[in-house]
Protein backbone atom coordinates (compact mmCIF):
# COMPACT_ATOMS: atom_id res chain seq x y z
CA MET A 1 97.13 88.56 58.43
CA LYS A 2 94.63 85.96 57.38
CA LYS A 3 95.52 83.84 60.40
CA ASP A 4 95.08 86.84 62.73
CA SER A 5 91.57 87.35 61.37
CA GLN A 6 90.79 83.67 61.82
CA VAL A 7 92.10 83.68 65.39
CA ALA A 8 90.02 86.78 66.16
CA ILE A 9 86.88 85.09 64.85
CA VAL A 10 87.61 81.94 66.88
CA ILE A 11 88.19 84.00 70.04
CA ILE A 12 84.95 85.94 69.52
CA ILE A 13 82.91 82.78 68.90
CA PHE A 14 84.49 80.96 71.85
CA SER A 15 83.93 83.91 74.18
CA LEU A 16 80.26 84.17 73.16
CA LEU A 17 79.78 80.44 73.81
CA TYR A 18 81.65 80.82 77.11
CA LEU A 19 79.38 83.71 78.14
CA ILE A 20 76.30 81.63 77.31
CA GLY A 21 77.66 78.83 79.52
CA ALA A 22 78.54 81.27 82.29
CA ASN A 23 74.99 82.62 82.31
CA MET A 24 73.69 79.07 82.82
CA ILE A 25 75.40 78.81 86.22
CA ASN A 26 72.76 78.65 88.94
CA GLN A 27 73.09 81.57 91.28
CA ALA A 28 71.32 81.62 94.62
CA GLY A 29 71.23 84.54 96.98
CA SER A 30 70.65 88.24 96.63
CA SER A 31 71.94 90.61 94.00
CA ALA A 32 73.98 92.41 96.69
CA THR A 33 76.58 89.61 96.87
CA VAL A 34 79.04 88.40 94.29
CA GLY A 35 77.81 85.04 93.09
CA PRO A 36 79.47 82.18 91.25
CA ARG A 37 78.65 83.72 87.85
CA ALA A 38 80.59 86.95 88.36
CA PHE A 39 84.09 85.74 87.58
CA PRO A 40 83.20 83.55 84.57
CA ILE A 41 81.18 86.41 83.08
CA GLY A 42 84.08 88.82 83.68
CA ILE A 43 86.50 86.43 81.98
CA GLY A 44 84.08 85.98 79.06
CA ILE A 45 83.73 89.74 78.60
CA LEU A 46 87.52 90.17 78.64
CA MET A 47 87.89 87.39 76.04
CA LEU A 48 85.24 89.03 73.84
CA VAL A 49 86.94 92.42 74.10
CA SER A 50 90.32 90.89 73.22
CA GLY A 51 88.83 89.11 70.18
CA ILE A 52 87.21 92.30 68.94
CA TRP A 53 90.44 94.22 69.60
CA LEU A 54 92.45 91.69 67.58
CA ALA A 55 89.93 91.86 64.71
CA VAL A 56 90.04 95.67 64.61
CA ALA A 57 93.85 95.76 64.85
CA THR A 58 94.16 93.21 62.05
CA ARG A 59 91.81 95.18 59.84
CA ASN A 60 93.77 98.38 60.53
CA ARG A 61 97.07 96.68 59.65
CA GLN A 62 95.59 95.25 56.45
CA SER A 63 94.25 98.62 55.33
CA ALA A 64 97.65 100.20 56.02
CA GLY A 65 99.39 97.59 53.84
CA PHE A 66 101.38 96.13 56.75
CA GLN A 67 103.24 92.90 55.98
CA LEU A 68 103.68 90.35 58.71
CA ASP A 69 107.22 89.05 59.13
CA ASP A 70 107.88 85.40 59.76
CA LEU A 71 106.93 84.38 63.25
CA GLU A 72 109.67 83.63 65.74
CA PRO A 73 110.11 79.94 66.48
CA VAL A 74 108.58 78.60 69.68
CA ASP A 75 110.97 78.31 72.61
CA TRP A 76 110.05 74.74 73.53
CA ARG A 77 112.31 74.71 76.58
CA THR A 78 110.50 77.66 78.18
CA PHE A 79 107.14 76.22 77.16
CA GLY A 80 108.02 72.81 78.64
CA ILE A 81 109.21 74.29 81.93
CA SER A 82 106.02 76.40 82.19
CA ALA A 83 103.84 73.38 81.49
CA GLY A 84 105.78 71.32 84.03
CA LEU A 85 105.44 74.01 86.69
CA LEU A 86 101.68 74.22 86.11
CA ILE A 87 101.31 70.44 86.35
CA LEU A 88 103.41 70.41 89.52
CA TYR A 89 101.26 73.25 90.93
CA ALA A 90 98.07 71.30 90.21
CA ILE A 91 99.52 68.33 92.10
CA ILE A 92 100.95 70.12 95.15
CA GLN A 93 98.39 72.90 95.65
CA PRO A 94 95.70 70.65 97.17
CA VAL A 95 98.32 69.13 99.47
CA VAL A 96 100.26 72.18 100.73
CA GLY A 97 97.67 74.90 100.08
CA PHE A 98 97.36 78.09 98.09
CA LEU A 99 99.70 80.24 100.19
CA ILE A 100 102.65 77.87 99.81
CA ALA A 101 102.17 76.51 96.29
CA THR A 102 101.32 79.78 94.54
CA PRO A 103 104.46 81.74 95.50
CA LEU A 104 106.55 78.76 94.38
CA LEU A 105 104.74 78.65 91.03
CA MET A 106 105.04 82.40 90.56
CA TYR A 107 108.74 82.49 91.32
CA GLY A 108 109.34 79.52 89.02
CA GLN A 109 107.47 81.20 86.17
CA ILE A 110 109.21 84.55 86.75
CA TRP A 111 112.60 82.80 86.67
CA ASN A 112 111.59 80.72 83.65
CA PHE A 113 110.75 83.84 81.64
CA GLY A 114 114.19 85.27 82.31
CA SER A 115 114.00 87.71 85.20
CA ARG A 116 117.04 87.64 87.46
CA HIS A 117 116.14 90.43 89.90
CA TYR A 118 116.02 88.02 92.81
CA LYS A 119 114.86 90.35 95.61
CA ARG A 120 112.09 91.89 93.51
CA ASP A 121 111.03 88.50 92.10
CA ILE A 122 110.78 86.95 95.57
CA ALA A 123 108.86 89.97 96.89
CA ILE A 124 106.33 89.79 94.03
CA SER A 125 106.03 86.02 94.39
CA LEU A 126 105.21 86.38 98.08
CA LEU A 127 103.13 89.57 98.17
CA LEU A 128 100.79 89.02 95.22
CA PRO A 129 99.38 85.66 96.43
CA ILE A 130 98.96 87.09 99.93
CA VAL A 131 96.99 90.07 98.57
CA VAL A 132 94.84 87.73 96.43
CA TYR A 133 94.29 85.41 99.40
CA LEU A 134 93.23 88.27 101.67
CA ALA A 135 90.96 89.77 99.00
CA PHE A 136 89.20 86.46 98.37
CA ASN A 137 88.91 85.43 102.03
CA PHE A 138 87.93 88.73 103.61
CA VAL A 139 86.45 90.91 100.87
CA LEU A 140 84.72 88.33 98.66
CA ARG A 141 84.31 85.73 101.45
CA ILE A 142 85.54 82.91 99.20
CA LYS A 143 87.91 80.47 100.90
CA LEU A 144 91.00 79.61 98.85
CA GLY A 145 92.25 76.99 101.29
């Protein structure tokens, strides 16, 4: 429990510092358009909410007398494959583009975490990046490449 409280405090402090940095981003243009600060501020707010949520949940568990069991050991194989896929994505995405690299990364991560529903996994891996691409390019007018 003590570690949960410490993690919550670190998340809250980091998110506040992150929000301060996000507010320092220069933003030109009118208030009617989404500027470069919008997404970092949104991420900072979500981090702050998650830190507060963890702090409240930890306090509730402590007051209820809940005892934390030993943590499960880290699955280093899954972690290593995920890290390798992310590194590979960072290398190939600038070369082949968002719409090719992202479905490959997504399918690799889905498979790595144990899903074996191949048709559904392929559909999600293809459709989600296409929806994100269309939303960024045509709604937000931000080119993903």
